[in-house]
Amino acid sequence: MTKIEPRPDDEQRVTVVVMTRDRRDQLLQALGNLRDLSGDVPVVVVDNGSRDGTPAAVRAAFPGVVVVELGGNRGAGARTAGARVAGTPYVAFSDDDSWWAPGALKRAADLLDAVPSLGLVAARTLVGPAEHTDELSRELAASPLPTGTDLPGPRVLGFLACAAVVRRGAFLEAGGFHPVVFFLGEETVLALDLAAAGWALCYVDDVVAHHHPQPGPTRGGRRRLQARNALLSSWLRRPARVALRDTWRLGRRAVTDAEARGALLDALRRVRPALAARRRIPEHVEADVRLLE
């Protein structure tokens, strides 16, 4: 993969990495909104094996956008592939249904410039045409974690992937999004890995992202996937007693809940690579997780 060379313009400090799969029309609209609101920001679209002509459509409509075709579905790993291509010190993630508000990327870059220990900025996410604040944003704003005086907002151990700006070097050194988790809830392991490496994660209310998910019923199997990945995240990074506790809890739910039963079976199919990649977080990070719990 060819890395994008940084531009001479001082404001080109952030590359937006967008992952997508089989949502061509929605992606084109999101890219148009991003261009209208954020200007001539470098953009990398990483395609997870779309079959609807997405790569060709993006190249035709947005010639300045770099398109990376993975040839298959790597889930959240597509973002990691996009970050490797980026030529800027910071990377902002978007999905094919989200984009950044005016001034948001400059504000995030200024904060990352000013605070060398800051590895990730979690944005306030406005959802849908009504632009109500996402529930996770409210939780992050109320984080009980002790915050150092140098941070521009509450210290957190979570974020929404399509509304986060990362320090590229820190993100890649941490390994990016973990392939065992694949997609949905992939933020958990990355947040723990960044914190374990000494990076701060911070919620900043005036860094704003827009998220417009498609209307309609929630995609089938989402709750099952979330439960599976939560358990895998525990086995990847938490103490064995915690991972066993979480396994027992999911097992109890599985007795009467078909989705929990499916999640447990799915997790068991991935337990071998999870154990092979297991790396327990330091005790001070584990203490922060327990405080949040």
C-alpha atoms as a PDB file:
ATOM      1  CA  MET A   1       0.000   0.000   0.000  1.00  0.00           C
ATOM      2  CA  THR A   2       1.308   3.446  -0.901  1.00  0.00           C
ATOM      3  CA  LYS A   3       1.381   5.924   1.944  1.00  0.00           C
ATOM      4  CA  ILE A   4      -0.109   9.362   1.276  1.00  0.00           C
ATOM      5  CA  GLU A   5       2.514  12.092   1.420  1.00  0.00           C
ATOM      6  CA  PRO A   6       1.633  14.941   3.817  1.00  0.00           C
ATOM      7  CA  ARG A   7       0.556  18.199   2.217  1.00  0.00           C
ATOM      8  CA  PRO A   8       2.483  21.436   2.761  1.00  0.00           C
ATOM      9  CA  ASP A   9      -0.579  23.204   4.197  1.00  0.00           C
ATOM     10  CA  ASP A  10      -0.142  23.433   7.974  1.00  0.00           C
ATOM     11  CA  GLU A  11      -3.815  22.679   8.555  1.00  0.00           C
ATOM     12  CA  GLN A  12      -3.551  19.273   6.867  1.00  0.00           C
ATOM     13  CA  ARG A  13      -2.792  17.516  10.104  1.00  0.00           C
ATOM     14  CA  VAL A  14      -5.729  15.099  10.019  1.00  0.00           C
ATOM     15  CA  THR A  15      -6.712  12.398   7.538  1.00  0.00           C
ATOM     16  CA  VAL A  16     -10.282  11.110   7.656  1.00  0.00           C
ATOM     17  CA  VAL A  17     -10.442   7.326   7.294  1.00  0.00           C
ATOM     18  CA  VAL A  18     -13.853   5.974   6.280  1.00  0.00           C
ATOM     19  CA  MET A  19     -14.621   2.269   6.257  1.00  0.00           C
ATOM     20  CA  THR A  20     -17.504   0.945   4.201  1.00  0.00           C
ATOM     21  CA  ARG A  21     -19.136  -2.143   2.763  1.00  0.00           C
ATOM     22  CA  ASP A  22     -22.058  -2.307   0.328  1.00  0.00           C
ATOM     23  CA  ARG A  23     -23.518   1.104   1.183  1.00  0.00           C
ATOM     24  CA  ARG A  24     -22.518   3.070  -1.895  1.00  0.00           C
ATOM     25  CA  ASP A  25     -25.276   5.693  -1.935  1.00  0.00           C
ATOM     26  CA  GLN A  26     -25.072   6.414   1.769  1.00  0.00           C
ATOM     27  CA  LEU A  27     -21.289   6.681   1.569  1.00  0.00           C
ATOM     28  CA  LEU A  28     -21.439   9.160  -1.320  1.00  0.00           C
ATOM     29  CA  GLN A  29     -23.804  11.353   0.661  1.00  0.00           C
ATOM     30  CA  ALA A  30     -21.569  11.192   3.734  1.00  0.00           C
ATOM     31  CA  LEU A  31     -18.487  12.103   1.687  1.00  0.00           C
ATOM     32  CA  GLY A  32     -20.364  15.055   0.195  1.00  0.00           C
ATOM     33  CA  ASN A  33     -21.315  16.264   3.663  1.00  0.00           C
ATOM     34  CA  LEU A  34     -17.740  15.831   4.867  1.00  0.00           C
ATOM     35  CA  ARG A  35     -16.383  17.866   1.946  1.00  0.00           C
ATOM     36  CA  ASP A  36     -18.993  20.614   2.407  1.00  0.00           C
ATOM     37  CA  LEU A  37     -18.420  20.926   6.160  1.00  0.00           C
ATOM     38  CA  SER A  38     -14.708  20.151   6.549  1.00  0.00           C
ATOM     39  CA  GLY A  39     -13.235  21.445   3.296  1.00  0.00           C
ATOM     40  CA  ASP A  40     -10.308  19.905   1.462  1.00  0.00           C
ATOM     41  CA  VAL A  41      -9.364  17.416   4.150  1.00  0.00           C
ATOM     42  CA  PRO A  42      -7.441  14.283   3.062  1.00  0.00           C
ATOM     43  CA  VAL A  43      -9.810  11.298   2.937  1.00  0.00           C
ATOM     44  CA  VAL A  44      -9.099   7.580   2.670  1.00  0.00           C
ATOM     45  CA  VAL A  45     -12.020   5.241   1.958  1.00  0.00           C
ATOM     46  CA  VAL A  46     -11.308   1.630   2.854  1.00  0.00           C
ATOM     47  CA  ASP A  47     -13.669  -0.816   1.179  1.00  0.00           C
ATOM     48  CA  ASN A  48     -14.425  -4.105   2.924  1.00  0.00           C
ATOM     49  CA  GLY A  49     -15.150  -6.092  -0.217  1.00  0.00           C
ATOM     50  CA  SER A  50     -18.245  -4.249  -1.478  1.00  0.00           C
ATOM     51  CA  ARG A  51     -20.214  -5.852  -4.307  1.00  0.00           C
ATOM     52  CA  ASP A  52     -22.278  -2.775  -5.200  1.00  0.00           C
ATOM     53  CA  GLY A  53     -19.651  -0.833  -7.151  1.00  0.00           C
ATOM     54  CA  THR A  54     -18.622   1.363  -4.229  1.00  0.00           C
ATOM     55  CA  PRO A  55     -14.919   1.843  -5.141  1.00  0.00           C
ATOM     56  CA  ALA A  56     -15.642   2.914  -8.733  1.00  0.00           C
ATOM     57  CA  ALA A  57     -18.447   5.228  -7.633  1.00  0.00           C
ATOM     58  CA  VAL A  58     -16.209   6.984  -5.079  1.00  0.00           C
ATOM     59  CA  ARG A  59     -13.389   7.432  -7.585  1.00  0.00           C
ATOM     60  CA  ALA A  60     -15.810   8.932 -10.106  1.00  0.00           C
ATOM     61  CA  ALA A  61     -17.550  11.307  -7.704  1.00  0.00           C
ATOM     62  CA  PHE A  62     -14.543  12.259  -5.549  1.00  0.00           C
ATOM     63  CA  PRO A  63     -11.305  11.979  -7.557  1.00  0.00           C
ATOM     64  CA  GLY A  64      -9.255  13.360  -4.675  1.00  0.00           C
ATOM     65  CA  VAL A  65     -10.290  10.596  -2.291  1.00  0.00           C
ATOM     66  CA  VAL A  66      -7.871   7.689  -1.911  1.00  0.00           C
ATOM     67  CA  VAL A  67      -9.696   4.348  -2.188  1.00  0.00           C
ATOM     68  CA  VAL A  68      -8.189   1.219  -0.641  1.00  0.00           C
ATOM     69  CA  GLU A  69      -9.823  -2.028  -1.733  1.00  0.00           C
ATOM     70  CA  LEU A  70      -9.243  -4.871   0.717  1.00  0.00           C
ATOM     71  CA  GLY A  71     -10.958  -7.501  -1.438  1.00  0.00           C
ATOM     72  CA  GLY A  72     -12.773  -8.959   1.572  1.00  0.00           C
ATOM     73  CA  ASN A  73     -14.379  -8.004   4.851  1.00  0.00           C
ATOM     74  CA  ARG A  74     -11.848  -7.221   7.594  1.00  0.00           C
ATOM     75  CA  GLY A  75     -14.377  -5.514   9.835  1.00  0.00           C
ATOM     76  CA  ALA A  76     -12.914  -2.720  11.925  1.00  0.00           C
ATOM     77  CA  GLY A  77      -9.475  -3.721  10.710  1.00  0.00           C
ATOM     78  CA  ALA A  78     -10.288  -1.619   7.656  1.00  0.00           C
ATOM     79  CA  ARG A  79      -9.690   1.455   9.796  1.00  0.00           C
ATOM     80  CA  THR A  80      -6.246   0.183  10.724  1.00  0.00           C
ATOM     81  CA  ALA A  81      -5.445  -0.334   7.047  1.00  0.00           C
ATOM     82  CA  GLY A  82      -6.548   3.229   6.318  1.00  0.00           C
ATOM     83  CA  ALA A  83      -4.436   4.667   9.127  1.00  0.00           C
ATOM     84  CA  ARG A  84      -1.364   2.951   7.692  1.00  0.00           C
ATOM     85  CA  VAL A  85      -1.940   4.772   4.400  1.00  0.00           C
ATOM     86  CA  ALA A  86      -2.490   8.193   6.002  1.00  0.00           C
ATOM     87  CA  GLY A  87       0.350  10.700   5.802  1.00  0.00           C
ATOM     88  CA  THR A  88      -0.751  12.989   8.643  1.00  0.00           C
ATOM     89  CA  PRO A  89       0.057  12.811  12.356  1.00  0.00           C
ATOM     90  CA  TYR A  90      -3.607  12.414  13.294  1.00  0.00           C
ATOM     91  CA  VAL A  91      -6.417  10.254  11.929  1.00  0.00           C
ATOM     92  CA  ALA A  92     -10.140  10.877  12.312  1.00  0.00           C
ATOM     93  CA  PHE A  93     -12.436   7.899  11.831  1.00  0.00           C
ATOM     94  CA  SER A  94     -15.805   8.033  10.125  1.00  0.00           C
ATOM     95  CA  ASP A  95     -18.240   5.433   8.893  1.00  0.00           C
ATOM     96  CA  ASP A  96     -20.320   5.587   5.741  1.00  0.00           C
ATOM     97  CA  ASP A  97     -23.121   7.254   7.705  1.00  0.00           C
ATOM     98  CA  SER A  98     -21.118   9.868   9.611  1.00  0.00           C
ATOM     99  CA  TRP A  99     -19.071  13.020   9.048  1.00  0.00           C
ATOM    100  CA  TRP A 100     -17.353  15.806  11.005  1.00  0.00           C
ATOM    101  CA  ALA A 101     -18.768  19.205  11.950  1.00  0.00           C
ATOM    102  CA  PRO A 102     -17.073  22.430  10.781  1.00  0.00           C
ATOM    103  CA  GLY A 103     -13.959  23.163  12.827  1.00  0.00           C
ATOM    104  CA  ALA A 104     -14.021  19.802  14.615  1.00  0.00           C
ATOM    105  CA  LEU A 105     -10.895  18.385  13.014  1.00  0.00           C
ATOM    106  CA  LYS A 106      -8.852  21.556  13.554  1.00  0.00           C
ATOM    107  CA  ARG A 107      -9.965  21.672  17.190  1.00  0.00           C
ATOM    108  CA  ALA A 108      -8.964  18.038  17.737  1.00  0.00           C
ATOM    109  CA  ALA A 109      -5.599  18.557  16.046  1.00  0.00           C
ATOM    110  CA  ASP A 110      -4.916  21.643  18.162  1.00  0.00           C
ATOM    111  CA  LEU A 111      -5.602  19.637  21.330  1.00  0.00           C
ATOM    112  CA  LEU A 112      -3.397  16.756  20.227  1.00  0.00           C
ATOM    113  CA  ASP A 113      -0.641  19.251  19.380  1.00  0.00           C
ATOM    114  CA  ALA A 114      -0.954  20.892  22.789  1.00  0.00           C
ATOM    115  CA  VAL A 115      -1.091  17.741  24.942  1.00  0.00           C
ATOM    116  CA  PRO A 116       1.674  15.268  24.039  1.00  0.00           C
ATOM    117  CA  SER A 117       0.212  12.565  26.315  1.00  0.00           C
ATOM    118  CA  LEU A 118      -3.172  12.644  24.567  1.00  0.00           C
ATOM    119  CA  GLY A 119      -3.669   9.645  22.301  1.00  0.00           C
ATOM    120  CA  LEU A 120      -7.353   9.870  21.428  1.00  0.00           C
ATOM    121  CA  VAL A 121     -10.058  12.536  21.362  1.00  0.00           C
ATOM    122  CA  ALA A 122     -13.610  11.222  21.687  1.00  0.00           C
ATOM    123  CA  ALA A 123     -16.095  13.593  20.078  1.00  0.00           C
ATOM    124  CA  ARG A 124     -19.637  14.536  20.996  1.00  0.00           C
ATOM    125  CA  THR A 125     -21.864  12.670  18.547  1.00  0.00           C
ATOM    126  CA  LEU A 126     -25.074  14.199  17.200  1.00  0.00           C
ATOM    127  CA  VAL A 127     -27.469  11.549  15.919  1.00  0.00           C
ATOM    128  CA  GLY A 128     -29.896  11.859  13.012  1.00  0.00           C
ATOM    129  CA  PRO A 129     -31.661  14.916  11.580  1.00  0.00           C
ATOM    130  CA  ALA A 130     -32.835  15.902  15.070  1.00  0.00           C
ATOM    131  CA  GLU A 131     -29.159  15.939  16.161  1.00  0.00           C
ATOM    132  CA  HIS A 132     -29.751  14.676  19.658  1.00  0.00           C
ATOM    133  CA  THR A 133     -26.636  13.887  21.670  1.00  0.00           C
ATOM    134  CA  ASP A 134     -25.748  10.208  21.563  1.00  0.00           C
ATOM    135  CA  GLU A 135     -26.216   8.347  24.853  1.00  0.00           C
ATOM    136  CA  LEU A 136     -22.569   7.274  24.888  1.00  0.00           C
ATOM    137  CA  SER A 137     -21.491  10.928  24.610  1.00  0.00           C
ATOM    138  CA  ARG A 138     -23.479  11.716  27.743  1.00  0.00           C
ATOM    139  CA  GLU A 139     -21.856   8.807  29.560  1.00  0.00           C
ATOM    140  CA  LEU A 140     -18.381   9.898  28.508  1.00  0.00           C
ATOM    141  CA  ALA A 141     -19.061  13.474  29.599  1.00  0.00           C
ATOM    142  CA  ALA A 142     -19.916  12.143  33.080  1.00  0.00           C
ATOM    143  CA  SER A 143     -16.822   9.908  33.348  1.00  0.00           C
ATOM    144  CA  PRO A 144     -15.774   9.422  36.996  1.00  0.00           C
ATOM    145  CA  LEU A 145     -12.121   8.798  36.119  1.00  0.00           C
ATOM    146  CA  PRO A 146      -9.668  11.255  37.687  1.00  0.00           C
ATOM    147  CA  THR A 147      -8.624  13.807  35.067  1.00  0.00           C
ATOM    148  CA  GLY A 148      -5.213  15.446  35.005  1.00  0.00           C
ATOM    149  CA  THR A 149      -4.970  19.215  34.766  1.00  0.00           C
ATOM    150  CA  ASP A 150      -3.469  19.025  31.265  1.00  0.00           C
ATOM    151  CA  LEU A 151      -6.456  17.265  29.677  1.00  0.00           C
ATOM    152  CA  PRO A 152      -9.120  19.330  27.875  1.00  0.00           C
ATOM    153  CA  GLY A 153     -11.995  17.170  29.092  1.00  0.00           C
ATOM    154  CA  PRO A 154     -12.965  14.087  31.105  1.00  0.00           C
ATOM    155  CA  ARG A 155     -10.590  11.141  30.902  1.00  0.00           C
ATOM    156  CA  VAL A 156     -12.363   8.112  29.439  1.00  0.00           C
ATOM    157  CA  LEU A 157     -11.823   4.469  28.540  1.00  0.00           C
ATOM    158  CA  GLY A 158     -14.387   4.322  25.767  1.00  0.00           C
ATOM    159  CA  PHE A 159     -15.384   6.081  22.583  1.00  0.00           C
ATOM    160  CA  LEU A 160     -17.483   5.699  19.453  1.00  0.00           C
ATOM    161  CA  ALA A 161     -15.225   4.618  16.598  1.00  0.00           C
ATOM    162  CA  CYS A 162     -16.925   6.792  13.971  1.00  0.00           C
ATOM    163  CA  ALA A 163     -16.457   9.857  16.197  1.00  0.00           C
ATOM    164  CA  ALA A 164     -12.844   9.669  17.342  1.00  0.00           C
ATOM    165  CA  VAL A 165      -9.553  11.309  16.367  1.00  0.00           C
ATOM    166  CA  VAL A 166      -6.369   9.413  17.199  1.00  0.00           C
ATOM    167  CA  ARG A 167      -2.678  10.129  17.282  1.00  0.00           C
ATOM    168  CA  ARG A 168      -1.642   7.966  14.345  1.00  0.00           C
ATOM    169  CA  GLY A 169       1.620   6.729  15.826  1.00  0.00           C
ATOM    170  CA  ALA A 170       0.000   5.750  19.121  1.00  0.00           C
ATOM    171  CA  PHE A 171      -2.850   4.010  17.326  1.00  0.00           C
ATOM    172  CA  LEU A 172      -0.558   1.927  15.115  1.00  0.00           C
ATOM    173  CA  GLU A 173       1.836   1.107  17.955  1.00  0.00           C
ATOM    174  CA  ALA A 174      -1.155  -0.199  19.924  1.00  0.00           C
ATOM    175  CA  GLY A 175      -1.993  -2.479  17.006  1.00  0.00           C
ATOM    176  CA  GLY A 176      -5.138  -0.714  15.849  1.00  0.00           C
ATOM    177  CA  PHE A 177      -8.488  -2.477  16.136  1.00  0.00           C
ATOM    178  CA  HIS A 178      -8.165  -6.085  17.238  1.00  0.00           C
ATOM    179  CA  PRO A 179      -8.967  -8.724  14.583  1.00  0.00           C
ATOM    180  CA  VAL A 180     -10.418 -11.200  17.094  1.00  0.00           C
ATOM    181  CA  VAL A 181     -13.197  -8.759  17.991  1.00  0.00           C
ATOM    182  CA  PHE A 182     -13.658  -7.875  14.297  1.00  0.00           C
ATOM    183  CA  PHE A 183     -16.593  -5.430  14.483  1.00  0.00           C
ATOM    184  CA  LEU A 184     -19.061  -3.932  16.982  1.00  0.00           C
ATOM    185  CA  GLY A 185     -17.625  -3.076  20.356  1.00  0.00           C
ATOM    186  CA  GLU A 186     -14.134  -3.007  18.837  1.00  0.00           C
ATOM    187  CA  GLU A 187     -13.400   0.221  20.736  1.00  0.00           C
ATOM    188  CA  THR A 188     -12.981  -1.550  24.096  1.00  0.00           C
ATOM    189  CA  VAL A 189      -9.723  -3.387  23.453  1.00  0.00           C
ATOM    190  CA  LEU A 190      -8.148  -0.430  21.647  1.00  0.00           C
ATOM    191  CA  ALA A 191      -9.013   1.912  24.524  1.00  0.00           C
ATOM    192  CA  LEU A 192      -7.412  -0.493  27.002  1.00  0.00           C
ATOM    193  CA  ASP A 193      -4.327  -0.927  24.827  1.00  0.00           C
ATOM    194  CA  LEU A 194      -3.825   2.827  24.454  1.00  0.00           C
ATOM    195  CA  ALA A 195      -4.217   3.351  28.213  1.00  0.00           C
ATOM    196  CA  ALA A 196      -1.860   0.454  28.950  1.00  0.00           C
ATOM    197  CA  ALA A 197       0.756   2.110  26.732  1.00  0.00           C
ATOM    198  CA  GLY A 198       0.453   5.332  28.752  1.00  0.00           C
ATOM    199  CA  TRP A 199      -1.783   7.348  26.428  1.00  0.00           C
ATOM    200  CA  ALA A 200      -4.677   9.417  27.708  1.00  0.00           C
ATOM    201  CA  LEU A 201      -8.127   9.203  26.128  1.00  0.00           C
ATOM    202  CA  CYS A 202     -10.298  12.262  26.550  1.00  0.00           C
ATOM    203  CA  TYR A 203     -13.885  13.291  25.769  1.00  0.00           C
ATOM    204  CA  VAL A 204     -14.132  16.808  24.337  1.00  0.00           C
ATOM    205  CA  ASP A 205     -17.609  18.278  24.072  1.00  0.00           C
ATOM    206  CA  ASP A 206     -16.800  20.887  21.428  1.00  0.00           C
ATOM    207  CA  VAL A 207     -15.310  18.377  18.992  1.00  0.00           C
ATOM    208  CA  VAL A 208     -18.461  17.301  17.170  1.00  0.00           C
ATOM    209  CA  ALA A 209     -19.316  14.491  14.757  1.00  0.00           C
ATOM    210  CA  HIS A 210     -22.612  13.795  12.982  1.00  0.00           C
ATOM    211  CA  HIS A 211     -23.978  10.260  12.794  1.00  0.00           C
ATOM    212  CA  HIS A 212     -26.998   9.499  10.610  1.00  0.00           C
ATOM    213  CA  PRO A 213     -27.708   5.757  10.782  1.00  0.00           C
ATOM    214  CA  GLN A 214     -30.247   4.448   8.320  1.00  0.00           C
ATOM    215  CA  PRO A 215     -33.797   4.473   9.689  1.00  0.00           C
ATOM    216  CA  GLY A 216     -35.532   1.199  10.294  1.00  0.00           C
ATOM    217  CA  PRO A 217     -35.202  -1.799  12.598  1.00  0.00           C
ATOM    218  CA  THR A 218     -31.848  -2.656  14.138  1.00  0.00           C
ATOM    219  CA  ARG A 219     -29.845  -5.090  12.055  1.00  0.00           C
ATOM    220  CA  GLY A 220     -30.507  -8.662  13.142  1.00  0.00           C
ATOM    221  CA  GLY A 221     -27.944 -10.292  15.410  1.00  0.00           C
ATOM    222  CA  ARG A 222     -26.535  -7.012  16.723  1.00  0.00           C
ATOM    223  CA  ARG A 223     -27.185  -7.828  20.383  1.00  0.00           C
ATOM    224  CA  ARG A 224     -25.652 -11.272  19.910  1.00  0.00           C
ATOM    225  CA  LEU A 225     -22.532  -9.756  18.341  1.00  0.00           C
ATOM    226  CA  GLN A 226     -22.202  -7.156  21.085  1.00  0.00           C
ATOM    227  CA  ALA A 227     -22.401  -9.824  23.788  1.00  0.00           C
ATOM    228  CA  ARG A 228     -19.876 -12.022  21.985  1.00  0.00           C
ATOM    229  CA  ASN A 229     -17.374  -9.203  21.595  1.00  0.00           C
ATOM    230  CA  ALA A 230     -17.759  -8.008  25.178  1.00  0.00           C
ATOM    231  CA  LEU A 231     -16.817 -11.492  26.360  1.00  0.00           C
ATOM    232  CA  LEU A 232     -13.922 -11.770  23.907  1.00  0.00           C
ATOM    233  CA  SER A 233     -12.642  -8.373  25.070  1.00  0.00           C
ATOM    234  CA  SER A 234     -12.597  -9.644  28.642  1.00  0.00           C
ATOM    235  CA  TRP A 235     -10.575 -12.701  27.662  1.00  0.00           C
ATOM    236  CA  LEU A 236      -8.185 -10.594  25.596  1.00  0.00           C
ATOM    237  CA  ARG A 237      -7.301  -8.043  28.291  1.00  0.00           C
ATOM    238  CA  ARG A 238      -8.967  -8.516  31.702  1.00  0.00           C
ATOM    239  CA  PRO A 239      -7.836 -10.707  34.649  1.00  0.00           C
ATOM    240  CA  ALA A 240      -8.842 -14.366  34.386  1.00  0.00           C
ATOM    241  CA  ARG A 241     -11.280 -14.044  37.295  1.00  0.00           C
ATOM    242  CA  VAL A 242     -13.108 -11.260  35.458  1.00  0.00           C
ATOM    243  CA  ALA A 243     -13.198 -13.184  32.169  1.00  0.00           C
ATOM    244  CA  LEU A 244     -14.532 -16.258  34.006  1.00  0.00           C
ATOM    245  CA  ARG A 245     -17.142 -14.096  35.762  1.00  0.00           C
ATOM    246  CA  ASP A 246     -18.279 -12.623  32.442  1.00  0.00           C
ATOM    247  CA  THR A 247     -18.416 -16.096  30.875  1.00  0.00           C
ATOM    248  CA  TRP A 248     -20.549 -17.358  33.780  1.00  0.00           C
ATOM    249  CA  ARG A 249     -22.907 -14.386  33.507  1.00  0.00           C
ATOM    250  CA  LEU A 250     -23.383 -14.876  29.777  1.00  0.00           C
ATOM    251  CA  GLY A 251     -23.883 -18.596  30.384  1.00  0.00           C
ATOM    252  CA  ARG A 252     -26.649 -17.886  32.875  1.00  0.00           C
ATOM    253  CA  ARG A 253     -28.386 -15.627  30.364  1.00  0.00           C
ATOM    254  CA  ALA A 254     -27.960 -18.272  27.686  1.00  0.00           C
ATOM    255  CA  VAL A 255     -30.251 -20.660  29.571  1.00  0.00           C
ATOM    256  CA  THR A 256     -33.312 -18.582  28.641  1.00  0.00           C
ATOM    257  CA  ASP A 257     -32.026 -16.177  25.975  1.00  0.00           C
ATOM    258  CA  ALA A 258     -31.360 -17.519  22.473  1.00  0.00           C
ATOM    259  CA  GLU A 259     -29.210 -14.514  21.474  1.00  0.00           C
ATOM    260  CA  ALA A 260     -27.042 -14.908  24.573  1.00  0.00           C
ATOM    261  CA  ARG A 261     -26.719 -18.611  23.786  1.00  0.00           C
ATOM    262  CA  GLY A 262     -25.592 -17.787  20.256  1.00  0.00           C
ATOM    263  CA  ALA A 263     -23.146 -15.181  21.579  1.00  0.00           C
ATOM    264  CA  LEU A 264     -21.592 -17.705  23.940  1.00  0.00           C
ATOM    265  CA  LEU A 265     -21.192 -20.273  21.166  1.00  0.00           C
ATOM    266  CA  ASP A 266     -19.708 -17.634  18.842  1.00  0.00           C
ATOM    267  CA  ALA A 267     -17.221 -16.592  21.526  1.00  0.00           C
ATOM    268  CA  LEU A 268     -16.175 -20.209  22.114  1.00  0.00           C
ATOM    269  CA  ARG A 269     -15.360 -20.513  18.407  1.00  0.00           C
ATOM    270  CA  ARG A 270     -12.932 -17.575  18.760  1.00  0.00           C
ATOM    271  CA  VAL A 271     -11.565 -18.367  22.195  1.00  0.00           C
ATOM    272  CA  ARG A 272      -8.352 -19.988  20.896  1.00  0.00           C
ATOM    273  CA  PRO A 273      -7.113 -16.892  18.986  1.00  0.00           C
ATOM    274  CA  ALA A 274      -8.305 -14.726  21.887  1.00  0.00           C
ATOM    275  CA  LEU A 275      -6.213 -16.689  24.368  1.00  0.00           C
ATOM    276  CA  ALA A 276      -3.245 -16.647  21.989  1.00  0.00           C
ATOM    277  CA  ALA A 277      -3.454 -12.834  21.847  1.00  0.00           C
ATOM    278  CA  ARG A 278      -4.258 -12.410  25.546  1.00  0.00           C
ATOM    279  CA  ARG A 279      -2.297  -9.622  27.260  1.00  0.00           C
ATOM    280  CA  ARG A 280      -3.520  -8.534  30.675  1.00  0.00           C
ATOM    281  CA  ILE A 281      -3.735  -4.773  31.186  1.00  0.00           C
ATOM    282  CA  PRO A 282      -1.720  -3.134  33.987  1.00  0.00           C
ATOM    283  CA  GLU A 283      -3.335  -2.947  37.402  1.00  0.00           C
ATOM    284  CA  HIS A 284      -3.837   0.832  37.270  1.00  0.00           C
ATOM    285  CA  VAL A 285      -5.842   0.462  34.045  1.00  0.00           C
ATOM    286  CA  GLU A 286      -7.807  -2.436  35.520  1.00  0.00           C
ATOM    287  CA  ALA A 287      -8.596  -0.217  38.527  1.00  0.00           C
ATOM    288  CA  ASP A 288     -10.010   2.419  36.157  1.00  0.00           C
ATOM    289  CA  VAL A 289     -12.159  -0.229  34.455  1.00  0.00           C
ATOM    290  CA  ARG A 290     -13.507  -1.405  37.818  1.00  0.00           C
ATOM    291  CA  LEU A 291     -14.334   2.191  38.744  1.00  0.00           C
ATOM    292  CA  LEU A 292     -16.308   2.580  35.527  1.00  0.00           C
ATOM    293  CA  GLU A 293     -18.111  -0.710  36.150  1.00  0.00           C
END
